[in-house]
Amino acid sequence: MADYQSPKDRAYTETLINSAKKEAAAFLNLKYTAERKDGAIPVKYRELMSVAVALTTQCAYCIEAHITNAVQAGATREEIAETVFIAAALRAGGAVGNGLMAMRMFEEATQQTP
């Protein structure tokens, strides 16, 4: 396979939705609710949060959609850039946090007797 993720994959959207209608409806309702414009958090900030999450989950489609939405909501290049580095720092912080757990697990594993 030459490429694993391609804009051509969007042609399968209806196929995916129609193959799991209840699950798709639940997902789309959650997405709609999370992305609503009448929440306490302004749209621009919702979109910047969405960009950060999309960057950490590495969903190219989500990155594209939420960058576009953020720009339409008034986000600047500088806000996008800061969002990138905040997401990177938190992703790295997560590795450190899990590293602390790994150290505890190592200690527990080396203290156990067979």
C-alpha atoms as a PDB file:
ATOM      1  CA  MET A   1       0.000   0.000   0.000  1.00  0.00           C
ATOM      2  CA  ALA A   2       1.498   3.312  -1.084  1.00  0.00           C
ATOM      3  CA  ASP A   3      -0.283   5.598   1.350  1.00  0.00           C
ATOM      4  CA  TYR A   4      -2.243   4.924   4.495  1.00  0.00           C
ATOM      5  CA  GLN A   5      -4.149   8.160   4.801  1.00  0.00           C
ATOM      6  CA  SER A   6      -5.359  10.142   1.825  1.00  0.00           C
ATOM      7  CA  PRO A   7      -8.026  12.788   1.195  1.00  0.00           C
ATOM      8  CA  LYS A   8      -9.529  10.197  -1.175  1.00  0.00           C
ATOM      9  CA  ASP A   9     -10.539   8.214   1.917  1.00  0.00           C
ATOM     10  CA  ARG A  10     -13.300  10.764   2.538  1.00  0.00           C
ATOM     11  CA  ALA A  11     -15.229   9.034  -0.236  1.00  0.00           C
ATOM     12  CA  TYR A  12     -15.921   6.282   2.325  1.00  0.00           C
ATOM     13  CA  THR A  13     -17.659   8.566   4.829  1.00  0.00           C
ATOM     14  CA  GLU A  14     -21.191   7.472   3.956  1.00  0.00           C
ATOM     15  CA  THR A  15     -20.116   3.827   3.795  1.00  0.00           C
ATOM     16  CA  LEU A  16     -18.709   4.035   7.314  1.00  0.00           C
ATOM     17  CA  ILE A  17     -21.739   5.887   8.693  1.00  0.00           C
ATOM     18  CA  ASN A  18     -24.220   3.539   7.026  1.00  0.00           C
ATOM     19  CA  SER A  19     -22.323   0.471   8.246  1.00  0.00           C
ATOM     20  CA  ALA A  20     -22.721   1.451  11.914  1.00  0.00           C
ATOM     21  CA  LYS A  21     -25.685   3.800  12.034  1.00  0.00           C
ATOM     22  CA  LYS A  22     -26.322   3.891  15.787  1.00  0.00           C
ATOM     23  CA  GLU A  23     -22.659   4.337  16.656  1.00  0.00           C
ATOM     24  CA  ALA A  24     -22.215   6.973  13.952  1.00  0.00           C
ATOM     25  CA  ALA A  25     -25.264   8.875  15.185  1.00  0.00           C
ATOM     26  CA  ALA A  26     -23.938   8.859  18.750  1.00  0.00           C
ATOM     27  CA  PHE A  27     -20.504  10.036  17.605  1.00  0.00           C
ATOM     28  CA  LEU A  28     -21.913  12.769  15.375  1.00  0.00           C
ATOM     29  CA  ASN A  29     -24.199  13.979  18.176  1.00  0.00           C
ATOM     30  CA  LEU A  30     -21.246  14.192  20.559  1.00  0.00           C
ATOM     31  CA  LYS A  31     -19.193  16.007  17.906  1.00  0.00           C
ATOM     32  CA  TYR A  32     -22.051  18.435  17.217  1.00  0.00           C
ATOM     33  CA  THR A  33     -22.561  19.097  20.935  1.00  0.00           C
ATOM     34  CA  ALA A  34     -18.847  19.617  21.615  1.00  0.00           C
ATOM     35  CA  GLU A  35     -18.493  21.970  18.655  1.00  0.00           C
ATOM     36  CA  ARG A  36     -21.625  24.040  19.305  1.00  0.00           C
ATOM     37  CA  LYS A  37     -21.396  27.803  19.061  1.00  0.00           C
ATOM     38  CA  ASP A  38     -23.575  28.634  22.084  1.00  0.00           C
ATOM     39  CA  GLY A  39     -21.371  27.184  24.815  1.00  0.00           C
ATOM     40  CA  ALA A  40     -19.634  29.083  27.603  1.00  0.00           C
ATOM     41  CA  ILE A  41     -16.305  28.676  25.783  1.00  0.00           C
ATOM     42  CA  PRO A  42     -16.049  30.917  22.700  1.00  0.00           C
ATOM     43  CA  VAL A  43     -15.765  29.152  19.332  1.00  0.00           C
ATOM     44  CA  LYS A  44     -12.183  30.281  18.701  1.00  0.00           C
ATOM     45  CA  TYR A  45     -11.007  28.721  21.961  1.00  0.00           C
ATOM     46  CA  ARG A  46     -13.003  25.550  21.339  1.00  0.00           C
ATOM     47  CA  GLU A  47     -11.276  25.261  17.974  1.00  0.00           C
ATOM     48  CA  LEU A  48      -7.815  25.942  19.397  1.00  0.00           C
ATOM     49  CA  MET A  49      -8.444  23.177  21.962  1.00  0.00           C
ATOM     50  CA  SER A  50      -9.591  20.941  19.127  1.00  0.00           C
ATOM     51  CA  VAL A  51      -6.408  21.716  17.183  1.00  0.00           C
ATOM     52  CA  ALA A  52      -4.316  20.780  20.231  1.00  0.00           C
ATOM     53  CA  VAL A  53      -6.141  17.477  20.681  1.00  0.00           C
ATOM     54  CA  ALA A  54      -5.974  16.725  16.951  1.00  0.00           C
ATOM     55  CA  LEU A  55      -2.227  17.307  17.019  1.00  0.00           C
ATOM     56  CA  THR A  56      -1.754  14.891  19.914  1.00  0.00           C
ATOM     57  CA  THR A  57      -4.027  12.244  18.400  1.00  0.00           C
ATOM     58  CA  GLN A  58      -2.366  12.849  15.018  1.00  0.00           C
ATOM     59  CA  CYS A  59      -5.594  12.828  13.028  1.00  0.00           C
ATOM     60  CA  ALA A  60      -4.774  14.607   9.768  1.00  0.00           C
ATOM     61  CA  TYR A  61      -8.450  15.118   8.933  1.00  0.00           C
ATOM     62  CA  CYS A  62      -9.122  16.644  12.358  1.00  0.00           C
ATOM     63  CA  ILE A  63      -6.069  18.891  12.122  1.00  0.00           C
ATOM     64  CA  GLU A  64      -7.214  20.184   8.741  1.00  0.00           C
ATOM     65  CA  ALA A  65     -10.825  20.716   9.808  1.00  0.00           C
ATOM     66  CA  HIS A  66     -10.023  22.425  13.099  1.00  0.00           C
ATOM     67  CA  ILE A  67      -7.285  24.650  11.666  1.00  0.00           C
ATOM     68  CA  THR A  68      -9.818  25.818   9.064  1.00  0.00           C
ATOM     69  CA  ASN A  69     -12.482  26.317  11.747  1.00  0.00           C
ATOM     70  CA  ALA A  70     -10.029  28.149  14.023  1.00  0.00           C
ATOM     71  CA  VAL A  71      -9.021  30.530  11.238  1.00  0.00           C
ATOM     72  CA  GLN A  72     -12.687  31.175  10.432  1.00  0.00           C
ATOM     73  CA  ALA A  73     -13.244  31.904  14.140  1.00  0.00           C
ATOM     74  CA  GLY A  74     -10.446  34.485  14.097  1.00  0.00           C
ATOM     75  CA  ALA A  75      -7.405  32.523  15.270  1.00  0.00           C
ATOM     76  CA  THR A  76      -4.069  34.007  14.247  1.00  0.00           C
ATOM     77  CA  ARG A  77      -0.914  32.296  13.018  1.00  0.00           C
ATOM     78  CA  GLU A  78       0.669  33.044  16.394  1.00  0.00           C
ATOM     79  CA  GLU A  79      -2.227  31.439  18.278  1.00  0.00           C
ATOM     80  CA  ILE A  80      -1.948  28.331  16.110  1.00  0.00           C
ATOM     81  CA  ALA A  81       1.826  28.225  16.689  1.00  0.00           C
ATOM     82  CA  GLU A  82       1.415  28.550  20.464  1.00  0.00           C
ATOM     83  CA  THR A  83      -1.244  25.836  20.366  1.00  0.00           C
ATOM     84  CA  VAL A  84       1.233  23.547  18.583  1.00  0.00           C
ATOM     85  CA  PHE A  85       3.841  23.996  21.292  1.00  0.00           C
ATOM     86  CA  ILE A  86       1.375  23.745  24.170  1.00  0.00           C
ATOM     87  CA  ALA A  87       0.154  20.434  22.707  1.00  0.00           C
ATOM     88  CA  ALA A  88       3.748  19.251  22.275  1.00  0.00           C
ATOM     89  CA  ALA A  89       4.628  20.141  25.864  1.00  0.00           C
ATOM     90  CA  LEU A  90       1.577  18.376  27.254  1.00  0.00           C
ATOM     91  CA  ARG A  91       2.234  15.315  25.116  1.00  0.00           C
ATOM     92  CA  ALA A  92       5.792  15.218  26.437  1.00  0.00           C
ATOM     93  CA  GLY A  93       4.509  15.802  29.969  1.00  0.00           C
ATOM     94  CA  GLY A  94       2.231  12.804  29.593  1.00  0.00           C
ATOM     95  CA  ALA A  95       5.249  10.657  28.761  1.00  0.00           C
ATOM     96  CA  VAL A  96       7.012  11.915  31.891  1.00  0.00           C
ATOM     97  CA  GLY A  97       3.922  11.238  34.007  1.00  0.00           C
ATOM     98  CA  ASN A  98       3.692   7.711  32.634  1.00  0.00           C
ATOM     99  CA  GLY A  99       7.435   7.417  33.168  1.00  0.00           C
ATOM    100  CA  LEU A 100       6.872   7.985  36.889  1.00  0.00           C
ATOM    101  CA  MET A 101       4.347   5.146  36.858  1.00  0.00           C
ATOM    102  CA  ALA A 102       6.843   2.988  34.935  1.00  0.00           C
ATOM    103  CA  MET A 103       9.448   3.590  37.648  1.00  0.00           C
ATOM    104  CA  ARG A 104       6.956   2.481  40.317  1.00  0.00           C
ATOM    105  CA  MET A 105       6.029  -0.573  38.272  1.00  0.00           C
ATOM    106  CA  PHE A 106       9.713  -1.427  37.842  1.00  0.00           C
ATOM    107  CA  GLU A 107      10.218  -1.212  41.591  1.00  0.00           C
ATOM    108  CA  GLU A 108       7.181  -3.402  42.202  1.00  0.00           C
ATOM    109  CA  ALA A 109       8.264  -5.924  39.567  1.00  0.00           C
ATOM    110  CA  THR A 110      11.808  -6.228  40.920  1.00  0.00           C
ATOM    111  CA  GLN A 111      10.610  -6.673  44.525  1.00  0.00           C
ATOM    112  CA  GLN A 112       8.268  -9.554  43.717  1.00  0.00           C
ATOM    113  CA  THR A 113       9.423 -13.079  44.385  1.00  0.00           C
ATOM    114  CA  PRO A 114       8.409 -15.932  42.082  1.00  0.00           C
END
